[in-house]
Protein backbone atom coordinates (compact mmCIF):
# COMPACT_ATOMS: atom_id res chain seq x y z
CA MET A 1 -20.92 16.31 5.57
CA ALA A 2 -19.68 13.73 3.06
CA TYR A 3 -20.67 14.40 -0.54
CA ARG A 4 -19.93 12.82 -3.89
CA MET A 5 -19.91 14.25 -7.39
CA LEU A 6 -20.99 11.85 -10.10
CA MET A 7 -19.89 12.80 -13.63
CA LEU A 8 -21.97 11.01 -16.23
CA ASN A 9 -21.51 10.87 -20.01
CA VAL A 10 -24.42 9.63 -22.17
CA ALA A 11 -25.62 9.93 -25.73
CA PRO A 12 -28.11 12.80 -26.34
CA ASP A 13 -30.97 10.40 -27.07
CA ARG A 14 -30.67 8.96 -23.56
CA SER A 15 -30.63 12.26 -21.67
CA ASP A 16 -34.34 12.18 -20.84
CA GLY A 17 -33.95 8.86 -19.06
CA VAL A 18 -30.99 10.16 -17.08
CA GLU A 19 -32.88 13.24 -15.92
CA ASP A 20 -35.82 11.10 -14.82
CA VAL A 21 -33.47 9.07 -12.64
CA ILE A 22 -31.84 12.19 -11.20
CA ASP A 23 -35.21 13.68 -10.31
CA GLU A 24 -36.08 10.52 -8.37
CA ILE A 25 -32.95 10.84 -6.25
CA GLU A 26 -33.43 14.54 -5.37
CA PRO A 27 -29.73 15.46 -5.28
CA ARG A 28 -28.23 18.56 -3.68
CA THR A 29 -27.69 20.04 -7.13
CA TRP A 30 -27.02 18.95 -10.70
CA TRP A 31 -26.35 20.42 -14.14
CA ARG A 32 -25.64 19.31 -17.67
CA SER A 33 -23.42 20.52 -20.47
CA GLU A 34 -22.49 19.57 -24.00
CA ALA A 35 -19.14 17.91 -24.54
CA GLN A 36 -16.37 20.26 -25.61
CA SER A 37 -14.41 17.55 -27.40
CA GLY A 38 -16.77 17.45 -30.35
CA GLU A 39 -18.12 14.05 -29.35
CA ASP A 40 -21.83 13.50 -29.55
CA ILE A 41 -22.41 13.13 -25.79
CA VAL A 42 -24.09 14.99 -22.96
CA GLN A 43 -22.30 15.44 -19.63
CA TYR A 44 -24.14 15.45 -16.30
CA TYR A 45 -22.69 16.56 -12.97
CA VAL A 46 -24.63 15.44 -9.90
CA VAL A 47 -23.75 16.48 -6.34
CA LEU A 48 -25.39 14.40 -3.62
CA HIS A 49 -24.82 12.99 -0.17
CA GLU A 50 -22.75 9.80 -0.18
CA SER A 51 -25.66 7.84 1.29
CA ARG A 52 -27.52 8.42 -2.00
CA SER A 53 -24.61 7.74 -4.33
CA GLN A 54 -25.16 3.98 -4.54
CA VAL A 55 -28.89 4.48 -5.06
CA LEU A 56 -28.27 6.65 -8.11
CA GLN A 57 -25.74 4.21 -9.54
CA ASP A 58 -28.14 1.30 -9.08
CA LYS A 59 -30.99 3.13 -10.81
CA LEU A 60 -28.75 4.07 -13.74
CA SER A 61 -27.51 0.50 -14.11
CA GLU A 62 -31.09 -0.79 -14.06
CA ARG A 63 -32.14 1.54 -16.86
CA PHE A 64 -29.06 1.39 -19.11
CA GLU A 65 -26.63 -1.22 -20.33
CA GLU A 66 -23.01 -1.05 -19.22
CA ASN A 67 -21.78 0.28 -22.57
CA GLN A 68 -24.43 3.01 -22.81
CA PHE A 69 -22.91 5.44 -20.33
CA ARG A 70 -19.71 6.22 -18.44
CA LEU A 71 -19.75 7.24 -14.80
CA VAL A 72 -16.96 8.72 -12.67
CA THR A 73 -17.34 9.31 -8.92
CA LEU A 74 -15.33 11.91 -6.99
CA ALA A 75 -15.22 12.49 -3.23
CA LEU A 76 -15.76 16.14 -2.29
CA GLU A 77 -14.08 17.88 0.62
CA SER A 78 -16.87 20.45 1.07
CA VAL A 79 -19.96 21.89 -0.57
CA LEU A 80 -21.04 25.52 -0.14
CA PRO A 81 -23.36 26.93 0.91
CA GLN A 82 -24.05 24.60 3.79
CA ILE A 83 -27.55 23.24 4.37
CA ASP A 84 -29.48 25.68 6.56
CA ASN A 85 -32.16 23.19 7.52
CA GLU A 86 -30.80 21.48 10.64
CA GLU A 87 -33.38 18.68 10.50
CA GLU A 88 -32.40 17.85 6.93
CA GLN A 89 -28.71 17.91 7.84
CA GLU A 90 -29.27 15.57 10.81
CA ARG A 91 -31.36 13.24 8.65
CA LEU A 92 -28.57 12.93 6.09
CA GLU A 93 -25.88 12.40 8.71
CA GLN A 94 -27.94 9.76 10.51
CA THR A 95 -28.54 7.85 7.30
CA GLU A 96 -26.87 4.45 7.36
CA THR A 97 -23.96 5.45 5.17
CA SER A 98 -21.95 3.03 3.10
CA SER A 99 -19.47 3.74 0.36
CA ALA A 100 -20.67 2.87 -3.12
CA ARG A 101 -20.26 -0.76 -4.12
CA ALA A 102 -17.93 0.09 -7.00
CA GLU A 103 -15.68 2.19 -4.73
CA ILE A 104 -15.34 -0.67 -2.23
CA TYR A 105 -14.72 -3.16 -5.05
CA ASP A 106 -11.81 -1.11 -6.40
CA ASP A 107 -10.29 -0.75 -2.93
CA VAL A 108 -10.49 -4.40 -1.94
CA LEU A 109 -9.30 -5.58 -5.36
CA ASN A 110 -6.19 -3.40 -5.19
CA ASN A 111 -5.38 -4.74 -1.71
CA ALA A 112 -5.89 -8.37 -2.75
CA LEU A 113 -3.50 -8.49 -5.70
CA LEU A 114 -0.59 -10.90 -5.44
CA THR A 115 2.45 -8.65 -5.81
CA TRP A 116 6.07 -8.78 -4.79
CA ASP A 117 5.40 -6.06 -2.22
CA PHE A 118 2.71 -8.22 -0.63
CA LEU A 119 4.99 -11.26 -0.45
CA ILE A 120 7.98 -9.30 0.87
CA LEU A 121 5.90 -7.58 3.56
CA THR A 122 4.40 -10.92 4.59
CA ALA A 123 7.83 -12.53 4.79
CA ALA A 124 9.18 -9.59 6.79
CA ALA A 125 6.21 -9.72 9.17
CA ALA A 126 6.70 -13.46 9.73
CA PHE A 127 10.44 -12.95 10.27
CA VAL A 128 9.87 -10.22 12.86
CA ALA A 129 7.08 -12.17 14.56
CA ALA A 130 9.29 -15.26 14.82
CA ILE A 131 12.00 -13.23 16.53
CA GLY A 132 9.47 -11.70 18.88
CA LEU A 133 7.91 -15.05 19.77
CA THR A 134 11.21 -16.82 20.42
CA SER A 135 12.61 -13.93 22.47
CA GLY A 136 9.37 -13.28 24.35
CA GLN A 137 9.22 -9.64 23.26
CA VAL A 138 5.56 -8.64 22.89
CA ALA A 139 6.47 -5.26 21.39
CA VAL A 140 8.31 -6.97 18.53
CA VAL A 141 5.29 -9.16 17.78
CA ILE A 142 3.07 -6.07 17.71
CA GLY A 143 5.49 -4.46 15.28
CA ALA A 144 5.14 -7.49 13.03
CA MET A 145 1.36 -7.10 13.08
CA VAL A 146 1.70 -3.51 11.87
CA ILE A 147 3.48 -4.50 8.66
CA ALA A 148 1.52 -7.70 7.98
CA PRO A 149 -0.69 -7.18 4.86
CA LEU A 150 -3.05 -10.09 5.57
CA LEU A 151 -6.17 -7.93 5.84
CA GLY A 152 -6.39 -7.28 2.08
CA PRO A 153 -7.01 -10.77 0.66
CA ILE A 154 -9.24 -11.84 3.56
CA LEU A 155 -11.59 -8.87 3.18
CA ALA A 156 -11.53 -9.26 -0.59
CA PHE A 157 -12.59 -12.88 -0.25
CA ALA A 158 -15.49 -11.93 2.06
CA PHE A 159 -16.51 -9.09 -0.26
CA GLY A 160 -16.34 -11.37 -3.29
CA ALA A 161 -18.53 -13.89 -1.47
CA ALA A 162 -21.07 -11.16 -0.66
CA LEU A 163 -21.13 -10.11 -4.33
CA GLY A 164 -20.99 -13.58 -5.80
CA ASN A 165 -17.90 -12.54 -7.78
CA ARG A 166 -15.77 -15.59 -8.62
CA ARG A 167 -12.96 -13.51 -10.10
CA LEU A 168 -12.45 -11.61 -6.84
CA LEU A 169 -12.70 -14.86 -4.87
CA LEU A 170 -9.95 -16.48 -6.94
CA ILE A 171 -7.69 -13.42 -6.83
CA SER A 172 -7.99 -13.10 -3.06
CA LEU A 173 -7.65 -16.86 -2.48
CA ARG A 174 -4.44 -16.94 -4.51
CA ALA A 175 -2.96 -14.02 -2.56
CA LEU A 176 -4.03 -15.44 0.81
CA GLY A 177 -2.65 -18.88 0.00
CA ALA A 178 0.67 -17.43 -1.16
CA GLY A 179 0.87 -15.19 1.90
CA LEU A 180 0.20 -18.04 4.30
CA GLY A 181 2.74 -20.23 2.51
CA VAL A 182 5.44 -17.56 2.68
CA ALA A 183 4.74 -16.79 6.35
CA ILE A 184 4.84 -20.46 7.36
CA ALA A 185 7.98 -21.15 5.31
CA VAL A 186 9.89 -18.17 6.75
CA SER A 187 8.93 -18.96 10.33
CA ALA A 188 9.71 -22.68 9.82
CA VAL A 189 13.22 -21.77 8.68
CA MET A 190 13.54 -19.54 11.72
CA GLY A 191 12.42 -22.46 13.89
CA THR A 192 15.39 -24.53 12.71
CA VAL A 193 17.99 -21.89 13.64
CA LEU A 194 16.53 -20.10 16.65
CA PRO A 195 16.38 -21.65 20.13
CA LEU A 196 12.74 -22.34 20.87
CA GLN A 197 11.36 -22.81 24.36
CA ILE A 198 8.11 -24.64 23.65
CA ASP A 199 6.97 -24.16 27.24
CA ASP A 200 6.96 -20.41 26.58
CA SER A 201 3.35 -19.17 26.62
CA MET A 202 3.85 -17.27 23.34
CA VAL A 203 4.39 -20.47 21.36
CA ASN A 204 2.76 -22.98 23.67
CA PHE A 205 -0.37 -24.50 22.13
CA SER A 206 -0.74 -27.31 24.65
CA GLU A 207 -3.34 -25.33 26.59
CA PRO A 208 -6.98 -26.26 25.88
CA LEU A 209 -8.63 -24.50 22.94
CA GLY A 210 -12.22 -23.36 23.29
CA LEU A 211 -14.90 -20.95 22.16
CA THR A 212 -12.63 -18.00 22.92
CA THR A 213 -10.52 -19.15 19.96
CA ALA A 214 -13.09 -17.55 17.62
CA ALA A 215 -13.87 -14.46 19.74
CA LEU A 216 -10.98 -12.26 18.54
CA PRO A 217 -11.28 -13.09 14.81
CA LEU A 218 -15.05 -12.59 14.87
CA ALA A 219 -14.64 -9.14 16.41
CA SER A 220 -11.80 -8.37 13.98
CA GLY A 221 -13.92 -9.34 10.98
CA VAL A 222 -16.82 -7.16 12.12
CA ALA A 223 -14.60 -4.14 12.73
CA ALA A 224 -12.71 -4.51 9.46
CA ALA A 225 -15.83 -4.88 7.33
CA LEU A 226 -17.56 -1.91 8.98
CA MET A 227 -14.54 0.32 8.38
CA VAL A 228 -14.37 -0.76 4.74
CA VAL A 229 -18.03 -0.05 3.96
CA GLN A 230 -17.65 3.36 5.58
CA GLY A 231 -14.58 4.11 3.49
CA GLN A 232 -12.46 4.57 6.60
CA ALA A 233 -10.18 1.53 6.59
CA SER A 234 -7.07 2.20 8.66
CA ALA A 235 -3.86 0.45 9.63
CA LEU A 236 -5.28 -0.18 13.10
CA VAL A 237 -7.93 -2.50 11.65
CA GLY A 238 -5.20 -4.38 9.80
CA VAL A 239 -3.30 -4.76 13.05
CA MET A 240 -6.42 -6.16 14.73
CA VAL A 241 -6.85 -8.78 12.00
CA ALA A 242 -3.13 -9.59 12.07
CA ALA A 243 -3.39 -10.07 15.84
CA ALA A 244 -5.74 -12.97 15.21
CA LEU A 245 -3.63 -14.52 12.45
CA LEU A 246 0.06 -13.64 12.54
CA PRO A 247 1.07 -15.01 15.99
CA PRO A 248 -0.47 -18.48 15.46
CA ILE A 249 0.88 -18.61 11.87
CA ALA A 250 4.40 -17.73 13.00
CA ALA A 251 4.13 -20.07 15.98
CA MET A 252 3.00 -22.90 13.70
CA GLY A 253 6.03 -22.39 11.45
CA LEU A 254 8.40 -22.23 14.42
CA LEU A 255 6.93 -25.42 15.86
CA VAL A 256 7.21 -27.18 12.49
CA GLY A 257 10.83 -26.09 12.19
CA SER A 258 11.62 -27.38 15.67
CA GLY A 259 9.85 -30.70 15.09
CA ALA A 260 7.01 -30.14 17.57
CA TRP A 261 4.39 -31.57 15.23
CA TYR A 262 1.59 -32.04 17.75
CA GLN A 263 1.60 -28.42 18.89
CA ALA A 264 2.11 -27.26 15.30
CA GLY A 265 -1.08 -29.10 14.37
CA ARG A 266 -2.97 -27.37 17.18
CA ALA A 267 -1.64 -24.01 15.98
CA ALA A 268 -2.81 -24.87 12.44
CA VAL A 269 -6.33 -25.58 13.73
CA THR A 270 -6.28 -22.16 15.42
CA VAL A 271 -5.23 -20.47 12.17
CA ILE A 272 -7.97 -22.18 10.17
CA ALA A 273 -10.63 -21.34 12.76
CA ASN A 274 -9.51 -17.71 12.82
CA ILE A 275 -9.62 -17.36 9.03
CA VAL A 276 -13.10 -18.90 8.89
CA ALA A 277 -14.34 -16.66 11.71
CA ILE A 278 -12.99 -13.47 10.11
CA ASN A 279 -14.57 -14.33 6.75
CA LEU A 280 -17.88 -15.25 8.37
CA ALA A 281 -18.08 -12.00 10.34
CA ALA A 282 -16.95 -9.83 7.42
CA GLN A 283 -19.37 -11.37 4.91
CA ALA A 284 -22.26 -11.07 7.39
CA VAL A 285 -21.49 -7.37 7.87
CA PHE A 286 -21.24 -6.76 4.12
CA MET A 287 -24.63 -8.39 3.56
CA TRP A 288 -26.15 -6.49 6.48
CA ARG A 289 -24.90 -3.18 5.07
CA GLY A 290 -26.53 -3.81 1.71
CA ILE A 291 -23.64 -5.21 -0.34
CA ARG A 292 -25.47 -7.44 -2.78
CA PRO A 293 -24.83 -9.03 -6.18
CA HIS A 294 -24.88 -6.71 -9.16
CA ARG A 295 -25.06 -7.65 -12.81
CA TRP A 296 -21.81 -5.82 -13.56
CA LEU A 297 -19.85 -7.07 -10.55
CA SER A 298 -21.33 -10.56 -10.16
CA ASP A 299 -20.86 -13.59 -12.36
CA ASP A 300 -24.37 -14.91 -12.90
CA ALA A 301 -28.00 -14.61 -11.89
CA LYS A 302 -27.53 -17.18 -9.12
CA ALA A 303 -25.00 -15.02 -7.27
CA GLY A 304 -27.60 -14.13 -4.65
CA GLN A 305 -28.10 -17.79 -3.81
CA SER A 306 -24.39 -18.59 -3.86
CA ARG A 307 -23.54 -15.94 -1.28
CA VAL A 308 -26.19 -17.29 1.09
CA TRP A 309 -24.83 -20.81 0.62
CA MET A 310 -21.30 -19.58 1.28
CA LEU A 311 -22.36 -17.75 4.43
CA GLY A 312 -24.05 -20.93 5.62
CA ALA A 313 -20.93 -22.91 4.78
CA TRP A 314 -18.81 -20.57 6.93
CA VAL A 315 -21.23 -21.02 9.84
CA ILE A 316 -21.21 -24.81 9.50
CA LEU A 317 -17.43 -24.98 9.11
CA LEU A 318 -16.76 -22.75 12.11
CA GLY A 319 -19.29 -24.67 14.17
CA ALA A 320 -17.71 -27.97 13.16
CA LEU A 321 -14.23 -26.72 14.04
CA LEU A 322 -15.28 -25.38 17.42
CA GLY A 323 -17.36 -28.49 18.12
CA GLY A 324 -14.42 -30.71 17.22
CA ILE A 325 -12.10 -28.66 19.41
CA LEU A 326 -14.45 -28.90 22.39
CA PHE A 327 -14.94 -32.65 21.85
CA VAL A 328 -11.22 -33.40 21.57
CA GLU A 329 -10.29 -31.19 24.50
CA GLY A 330 -13.07 -32.73 26.59
CA SER A 331 -11.86 -36.24 25.72
CA PHE A 332 -8.30 -35.41 26.69
CA ALA A 333 -9.47 -33.82 29.92
CA SER A 334 -11.55 -36.90 30.80
CA GLU A 335 -8.65 -39.25 30.09
CA GLY A 336 -6.38 -37.15 32.24
CA ASP A 337 -8.84 -37.17 35.12
CA ASP A 338 -9.35 -40.94 34.91
CA GLY A 339 -5.64 -41.58 34.78
CA GLY A 340 -5.05 -39.45 37.84
CA GLN A 341 -7.63 -41.20 40.04
CA GLN A 342 -6.29 -43.51 42.75
CA THR A 343 -8.10 -46.40 44.38
CA ALA A 344 -8.67 -45.78 48.08
CA ALA A 345 -7.13 -48.28 50.46
CA PRO A 346 -9.59 -50.53 52.31
CA ALA A 347 -10.38 -49.37 55.80
CA ASP A 348 -8.73 -51.18 58.68
CA PRO A 349 -11.39 -53.32 60.39
CA ASP A 350 -9.72 -52.67 63.72
């Protein structure tokens, strides 16, 4: 079973309020001690199932100001003795478990920072993907997906939207923009020096685009967000997200470098639609799993409204993109059919 230990430091005159909150939560166990450093504080240690960790943190934040206590959360490998009551154990395990909001915030923020490592890995991934696309080697393209760090800023943007946190939105947007710019630039340079067979299916964007364009990124966004809220994010989820983004990004750069502007534009539309779909799915999952604005992690009291507006904006934007794609593709298909029709010869009267 997954447990957390919350270590809480408060002033002695606030201890009664803390113990009232702890009693409401009914933790596995808890104790208090006086600080050994000579400071005038009381230390609380609370062991509870991870499904209750966020509840305790929310109740503490509702009762106290941010500067009135300090809280540290630790993940525990095991707690002995085990619970003997099987019904209680099943109830805890079946609880819809999400990692605490602050834990997720720290994780997504660290993965969304614009660093040299992020830029170098993105450039390397685009370089490898370009080689794989031009040579037709699927295994090489998959290898590029493994090293592509695009998951971090995209999930951070969706999480920031769910929280209404402008700082996280700006940080993730800067990293995502820089990453996309580097990936497109590297692959565009590769497109000028590598022989590119545009008829190759791996870089050919002349085929009609449709609703399936958003299917993979939507599924990727759902899977990535669920893994993050459960505290189980893995490299495989990053590969799934990269599968929706890296090939069309690298293909767009290659097509730009080779001067195939029409197909490059179609690849760009695919990239934009995929990014919107991933953010829409991820933000919807975060909101569904209870990630909501908090006075310490959100910017203002209207954060709750802003996240709803942003979710609606994603829906409208994705719908507009897909609707535009279907309209344009349908128009081209109709023109092609009309142009291919031939007038039947008049029948011979004899």
